[in-house]
Protein backbone atom coordinates (compact mmCIF):
# COMPACT_ATOMS: atom_id res chain seq x y z
CA MET A 1 -13.22 14.14 -25.13
CA GLU A 2 -14.50 14.17 -21.55
CA VAL A 3 -11.79 13.36 -19.01
CA THR A 4 -12.67 12.67 -15.37
CA VAL A 5 -9.92 12.54 -12.77
CA ALA A 6 -10.70 10.92 -9.43
CA LYS A 7 -10.59 13.42 -6.57
CA SER A 8 -8.93 10.73 -4.43
CA ALA A 9 -6.13 10.04 -6.92
CA GLY A 10 -2.55 10.40 -5.71
CA PHE A 11 -0.70 10.56 -2.43
CA CYS A 12 -2.52 9.39 0.66
CA PHE A 13 -1.80 10.79 4.11
CA GLY A 14 0.64 8.03 5.09
CA VAL A 15 2.68 8.27 1.90
CA LYS A 16 2.88 12.07 2.00
CA ARG A 17 3.93 11.91 5.64
CA ALA A 18 6.71 9.41 4.85
CA ILE A 19 8.08 11.44 1.94
CA ASP A 20 7.91 14.68 3.95
CA THR A 21 9.82 12.92 6.73
CA VAL A 22 12.64 11.96 4.36
CA TYR A 23 12.89 15.52 2.99
CA GLN A 24 13.02 16.92 6.53
CA GLU A 25 15.95 14.63 7.28
CA ILE A 26 17.70 15.60 4.02
CA GLU A 27 17.51 19.26 5.02
CA LYS A 28 19.48 18.49 8.19
CA GLY A 29 22.51 17.77 6.03
CA GLU A 30 23.25 14.22 7.15
CA GLN A 31 23.29 11.05 5.06
CA VAL A 32 19.78 9.59 4.86
CA PHE A 33 18.96 5.92 4.36
CA THR A 34 15.57 4.27 3.94
CA LEU A 35 14.95 0.69 5.01
CA GLY A 36 13.60 -0.49 1.69
CA PRO A 37 12.11 1.93 -0.89
CA ILE A 38 10.25 4.62 1.06
CA ILE A 39 7.14 4.01 -1.12
CA HIS A 40 6.32 1.83 -4.13
CA ASN A 41 6.99 4.43 -6.81
CA GLU A 42 10.17 4.28 -8.87
CA GLN A 43 10.08 7.95 -9.86
CA VAL A 44 9.88 9.17 -6.25
CA VAL A 45 12.61 6.76 -5.13
CA GLN A 46 14.85 7.99 -7.97
CA GLU A 47 14.21 11.65 -7.08
CA LEU A 48 15.30 10.91 -3.50
CA ALA A 49 18.33 8.99 -4.75
CA ASP A 50 19.32 12.06 -6.79
CA LYS A 51 19.33 13.97 -3.49
CA GLY A 52 21.64 11.42 -1.93
CA VAL A 53 19.16 9.13 -0.18
CA ARG A 54 20.33 5.52 -0.15
CA VAL A 55 18.05 2.50 0.03
CA ILE A 56 19.24 -0.33 2.25
CA HIS A 57 17.66 -3.73 1.77
CA SER A 58 18.88 -5.61 4.83
CA LEU A 59 19.89 -4.87 8.41
CA GLU A 60 23.30 -6.40 7.73
CA GLU A 61 24.10 -3.34 5.61
CA LEU A 62 23.83 -1.18 8.74
CA ALA A 63 26.94 -2.79 10.20
CA ASP A 64 29.13 -0.64 7.94
CA ILE A 65 27.16 2.59 8.55
CA LYS A 66 28.59 4.72 11.34
CA GLU A 67 26.56 7.92 10.95
CA GLY A 68 23.42 9.23 9.34
CA THR A 69 19.71 8.58 9.69
CA VAL A 70 17.67 5.48 8.82
CA VAL A 71 14.02 6.13 7.97
CA ILE A 72 11.53 3.28 8.39
CA ARG A 73 9.22 3.39 5.40
CA SER A 74 5.46 3.86 5.40
CA HIS A 75 4.77 0.11 5.24
CA GLY A 76 6.26 -0.42 8.70
CA VAL A 77 8.42 -3.28 9.97
CA SER A 78 8.20 -6.13 12.46
CA GLU A 79 8.87 -5.83 16.18
CA LYS A 80 12.02 -7.91 15.69
CA VAL A 81 13.39 -5.43 13.15
CA ILE A 82 12.65 -2.53 15.51
CA ARG A 83 14.63 -4.25 18.29
CA GLN A 84 17.52 -4.99 15.93
CA LEU A 85 17.62 -1.38 14.72
CA GLU A 86 17.87 -0.18 18.31
CA LYS A 87 21.17 -2.06 18.68
CA TYR A 88 22.89 0.09 16.07
CA ASP A 89 24.46 3.41 16.97
CA ILE A 90 22.55 5.34 14.35
CA LYS A 91 19.53 7.66 14.37
CA ILE A 92 16.24 5.93 13.57
CA VAL A 93 13.19 7.86 12.31
CA ASP A 94 9.92 5.94 12.09
CA ALA A 95 7.77 7.02 9.13
CA THR A 96 5.36 4.08 9.43
CA CYS A 97 1.83 5.10 8.42
CA PRO A 98 -0.15 5.66 11.64
CA PHE A 99 -2.91 3.39 10.32
CA VAL A 100 -0.35 0.58 9.95
CA SER A 101 1.07 1.25 13.42
CA LYS A 102 -2.47 0.86 14.78
CA ILE A 103 -2.64 -2.64 13.27
CA HIS A 104 0.70 -3.49 14.91
CA ARG A 105 -0.74 -2.57 18.30
CA ILE A 106 -3.96 -4.55 17.72
CA VAL A 107 -2.09 -7.66 16.59
CA GLN A 108 0.41 -7.50 19.44
CA GLN A 109 -2.33 -7.10 22.06
CA LYS A 110 -4.68 -9.76 20.71
CA TYR A 111 -1.84 -12.23 20.21
CA ARG A 112 -0.87 -11.78 23.87
CA GLU A 113 -4.52 -12.38 24.81
CA GLY A 114 -4.41 -15.76 23.09
CA TYR A 115 -6.08 -14.99 19.76
CA ARG A 116 -4.97 -16.64 16.51
CA ILE A 117 -4.21 -13.75 14.18
CA VAL A 118 -5.54 -13.83 10.62
CA ILE A 119 -4.24 -11.21 8.19
CA ILE A 120 -6.22 -10.67 5.00
CA GLY A 121 -3.75 -9.32 2.47
CA SER A 122 -0.88 -10.04 0.09
CA ARG A 123 1.55 -12.30 1.95
CA THR A 124 4.66 -10.99 0.18
CA HIS A 125 3.80 -7.31 0.71
CA PRO A 126 6.14 -5.57 3.18
CA GLU A 127 3.20 -4.17 5.16
CA VAL A 128 1.81 -7.66 5.73
CA GLU A 129 5.24 -9.06 6.58
CA GLY A 130 5.65 -6.28 9.13
CA ILE A 131 2.22 -6.90 10.69
CA ASN A 132 2.94 -10.62 10.97
CA GLY A 133 6.10 -9.76 12.88
CA TRP A 134 4.02 -8.37 15.77
CA CYS A 135 2.68 -11.86 16.54
CA GLU A 136 6.00 -13.68 16.11
CA ASP A 137 5.23 -14.51 12.45
CA SER A 138 2.46 -16.87 13.56
CA ALA A 139 -0.43 -15.30 11.63
CA ALA A 140 -2.40 -17.04 8.93
CA VAL A 141 -2.17 -14.80 5.84
CA LEU A 142 -5.09 -15.24 3.46
CA GLU A 143 -5.35 -13.51 0.11
CA THR A 144 -8.25 -15.14 -1.73
CA VAL A 145 -11.79 -16.34 -1.15
CA ASP A 146 -10.64 -19.91 -1.84
CA GLU A 147 -7.99 -19.64 0.86
CA ALA A 148 -10.62 -18.43 3.32
CA GLU A 149 -12.91 -21.33 2.38
CA ASN A 150 -10.12 -23.88 2.87
CA PHE A 151 -8.75 -22.41 6.11
CA ARG A 152 -9.12 -24.82 9.03
CA PRO A 153 -8.17 -23.14 12.31
CA ASP A 154 -8.01 -24.74 15.74
CA PRO A 155 -11.68 -24.69 16.88
CA GLN A 156 -10.54 -23.96 20.44
CA LYS A 157 -8.80 -20.73 19.39
CA LYS A 158 -10.50 -17.37 19.02
CA LEU A 159 -9.60 -15.56 15.79
CA CYS A 160 -8.68 -11.91 15.35
CA ILE A 161 -9.00 -10.83 11.72
CA VAL A 162 -7.19 -7.75 10.44
CA SER A 163 -6.52 -6.49 6.93
CA GLN A 164 -3.74 -4.95 4.94
CA THR A 165 -4.63 -1.24 4.78
CA THR A 166 -4.84 -1.24 0.97
CA PHE A 167 -6.73 -4.51 0.43
CA ASN A 168 -9.79 -4.70 -1.83
CA TYR A 169 -12.67 -3.71 0.46
CA LYS A 170 -15.30 -5.86 -1.29
CA LYS A 171 -13.03 -8.91 -1.22
CA PHE A 172 -12.34 -8.31 2.48
CA LYS A 173 -16.08 -8.33 3.21
CA ASP A 174 -16.57 -11.50 1.13
CA MET A 175 -13.79 -13.28 3.02
CA VAL A 176 -15.08 -12.18 6.42
CA ALA A 177 -18.53 -13.46 5.45
CA ILE A 178 -17.02 -16.92 4.97
CA PHE A 179 -15.68 -16.90 8.52
CA GLU A 180 -19.02 -15.71 9.85
CA LYS A 181 -20.87 -18.44 7.93
CA LYS A 182 -18.67 -21.09 9.59
CA SER A 183 -19.57 -19.71 13.02
CA TYR A 184 -15.99 -19.26 14.19
CA ASP A 185 -15.36 -17.23 17.35
CA ILE A 186 -14.02 -14.17 15.56
CA LEU A 187 -13.11 -10.58 16.27
CA VAL A 188 -13.10 -8.63 12.99
CA MET A 189 -11.08 -5.43 12.79
CA ASN A 190 -11.63 -3.65 9.49
CA THR A 191 -8.20 -2.05 9.23
CA ILE A 192 -8.52 -1.01 5.58
CA CYS A 193 -7.91 2.72 5.79
CA ASN A 194 -10.76 5.08 4.90
CA ALA A 195 -8.75 6.64 2.07
CA THR A 196 -8.41 3.21 0.44
CA GLU A 197 -12.15 2.54 0.64
CA GLU A 198 -12.95 5.97 -0.81
CA ARG A 199 -10.35 5.61 -3.57
CA GLN A 200 -11.64 2.16 -4.58
CA THR A 201 -15.29 3.20 -4.54
CA GLU A 202 -14.65 6.34 -6.57
CA ALA A 203 -12.47 4.47 -9.08
CA GLY A 204 -15.18 1.87 -9.66
CA THR A 205 -17.83 4.54 -10.16
CA ILE A 206 -15.76 6.50 -12.68
CA ALA A 207 -14.76 3.32 -14.55
CA ARG A 208 -18.43 2.29 -14.82
CA GLN A 209 -19.27 5.62 -16.48
CA SER A 210 -16.26 5.80 -18.84
CA ASP A 211 -15.37 4.35 -22.23
CA ALA A 212 -11.79 3.88 -21.07
CA MET A 213 -9.97 4.03 -17.73
CA LEU A 214 -6.38 4.84 -16.83
CA VAL A 215 -4.87 3.62 -13.57
CA ILE A 216 -1.55 5.29 -12.76
CA GLY A 217 0.95 3.91 -10.28
CA GLY A 218 4.10 1.94 -9.58
CA LYS A 219 4.20 -1.62 -10.87
CA HIS A 220 4.99 -2.89 -7.35
CA SER A 221 2.23 -0.84 -5.73
CA SER A 222 -0.34 -3.17 -4.15
CA ASN A 223 -3.04 -0.51 -3.84
CA THR A 224 -2.63 0.46 -7.51
CA GLN A 225 -2.99 -3.19 -8.54
CA LYS A 226 -6.21 -3.37 -6.52
CA LEU A 227 -7.51 -0.26 -8.31
CA TYR A 228 -6.71 -1.88 -11.66
CA GLU A 229 -8.64 -5.02 -10.66
CA ILE A 230 -11.67 -2.96 -9.62
CA CYS A 231 -11.65 -0.76 -12.72
CA SER A 232 -11.14 -3.69 -15.09
CA LYS A 233 -14.35 -5.30 -13.84
CA GLU A 234 -16.28 -2.11 -14.54
CA CYS A 235 -14.57 -1.01 -17.77
CA PRO A 236 -13.04 -3.45 -20.31
CA ASN A 237 -10.76 -0.71 -21.67
CA THR A 238 -8.71 -0.24 -18.51
CA TYR A 239 -4.97 0.45 -18.75
CA PHE A 240 -2.30 0.30 -16.03
CA ILE A 241 0.55 2.79 -16.59
CA GLN A 242 3.40 4.10 -14.47
CA THR A 243 4.07 7.36 -16.31
CA LEU A 244 3.18 9.19 -19.51
CA ASP A 245 5.86 7.14 -21.30
CA ASP A 246 3.64 4.06 -21.00
CA LEU A 247 0.64 5.78 -22.57
CA ASN A 248 -0.32 5.09 -26.19
CA LEU A 249 -2.52 8.08 -27.00
CA GLU A 250 -3.66 6.55 -30.30
CA LEU A 251 -5.72 4.03 -28.33
CA PHE A 252 -7.85 6.84 -26.93
CA GLN A 253 -8.81 8.61 -30.15
CA SER A 254 -12.07 6.67 -30.47
CA PHE A 255 -13.18 7.12 -26.86
CA ARG A 256 -15.66 9.82 -25.86
CA SER A 257 -14.97 9.61 -22.13
CA VAL A 258 -11.84 8.64 -20.19
CA GLY A 259 -11.48 8.22 -16.44
CA ILE A 260 -8.23 8.57 -14.53
CA THR A 261 -7.32 7.35 -11.08
CA ALA A 262 -3.98 6.77 -9.38
CA GLY A 263 -2.50 4.81 -6.53
CA ALA A 264 -1.58 6.23 -3.14
CA SER A 265 2.10 6.45 -4.12
CA THR A 266 1.61 8.37 -7.37
CA PRO A 267 2.90 11.98 -7.42
CA ASN A 268 0.48 14.69 -8.52
CA ASN A 269 2.75 15.92 -11.31
CA ILE A 270 2.55 12.52 -13.05
CA ILE A 271 -1.25 12.52 -12.81
CA LYS A 272 -1.47 16.06 -14.24
CA GLU A 273 0.92 15.23 -17.07
CA VAL A 274 -1.16 12.22 -18.12
CA GLN A 275 -4.40 14.21 -17.80
CA ALA A 276 -3.07 17.04 -19.96
CA ASN A 277 -1.90 14.71 -22.71
CA VAL A 278 -5.12 12.71 -22.81
CA ARG A 279 -6.93 16.04 -23.26
CA HIS A 280 -4.38 17.05 -25.91
CA GLU A 281 -3.58 20.15 -23.90
CA GLN A 282 0.16 19.87 -24.53
């Protein structure tokens, strides 16, 4: 069986940076907290928990914490949360992906200049919630082509369009085209990170050339879900798994070629383990 693993599979720069940041804080010997799961991967979060890292889910929990370090996760947070964190007598380390921080700056500036902010992305994703917080939660968040078609902004307002860093690149272009067709006064900032575009393009290419496709990643990982959507359109036999435990190898006995890709939060050891078992190397 021919097995092709995407070169872009696995940790992206922002995720690796966030995890490295947490490990650096662990080595200092103090209690480490993350504001929400550091990334959307249960295995990584559990490994950090085994090393004593605690996940806090609300700022109210900080009231009882007198010492230690709170790490802001790669998805980033709103300006309001940043200001609230500064009120606590505890060390704050910001591990927000630099590409996400760039969107925060764009949104804050354009909002102050009078633009209506439009975020193309998943409205319940923490990255999008954080971005929205840099324009006082006033942004229009659009996730589908239908929502873009039905959006009716104030014609007197200029629009600044940004995107969640891991959004489907083709869908982003299709939605922007709708705005352009309606002749709105728009400023389009393609804030999908380059790694996401490359990962999605490569995944689609491999899926198109394979009998079956495996997409590995956390079930809450937005970028992995986007990869699954892309691969499913190119290859009917596409499977979404988190780890080797989810893999039914019997399904692959009749396939001559299998492609493998993985989300930006998927550790390399999980990818290698799946690859080895699909090839029957273990």
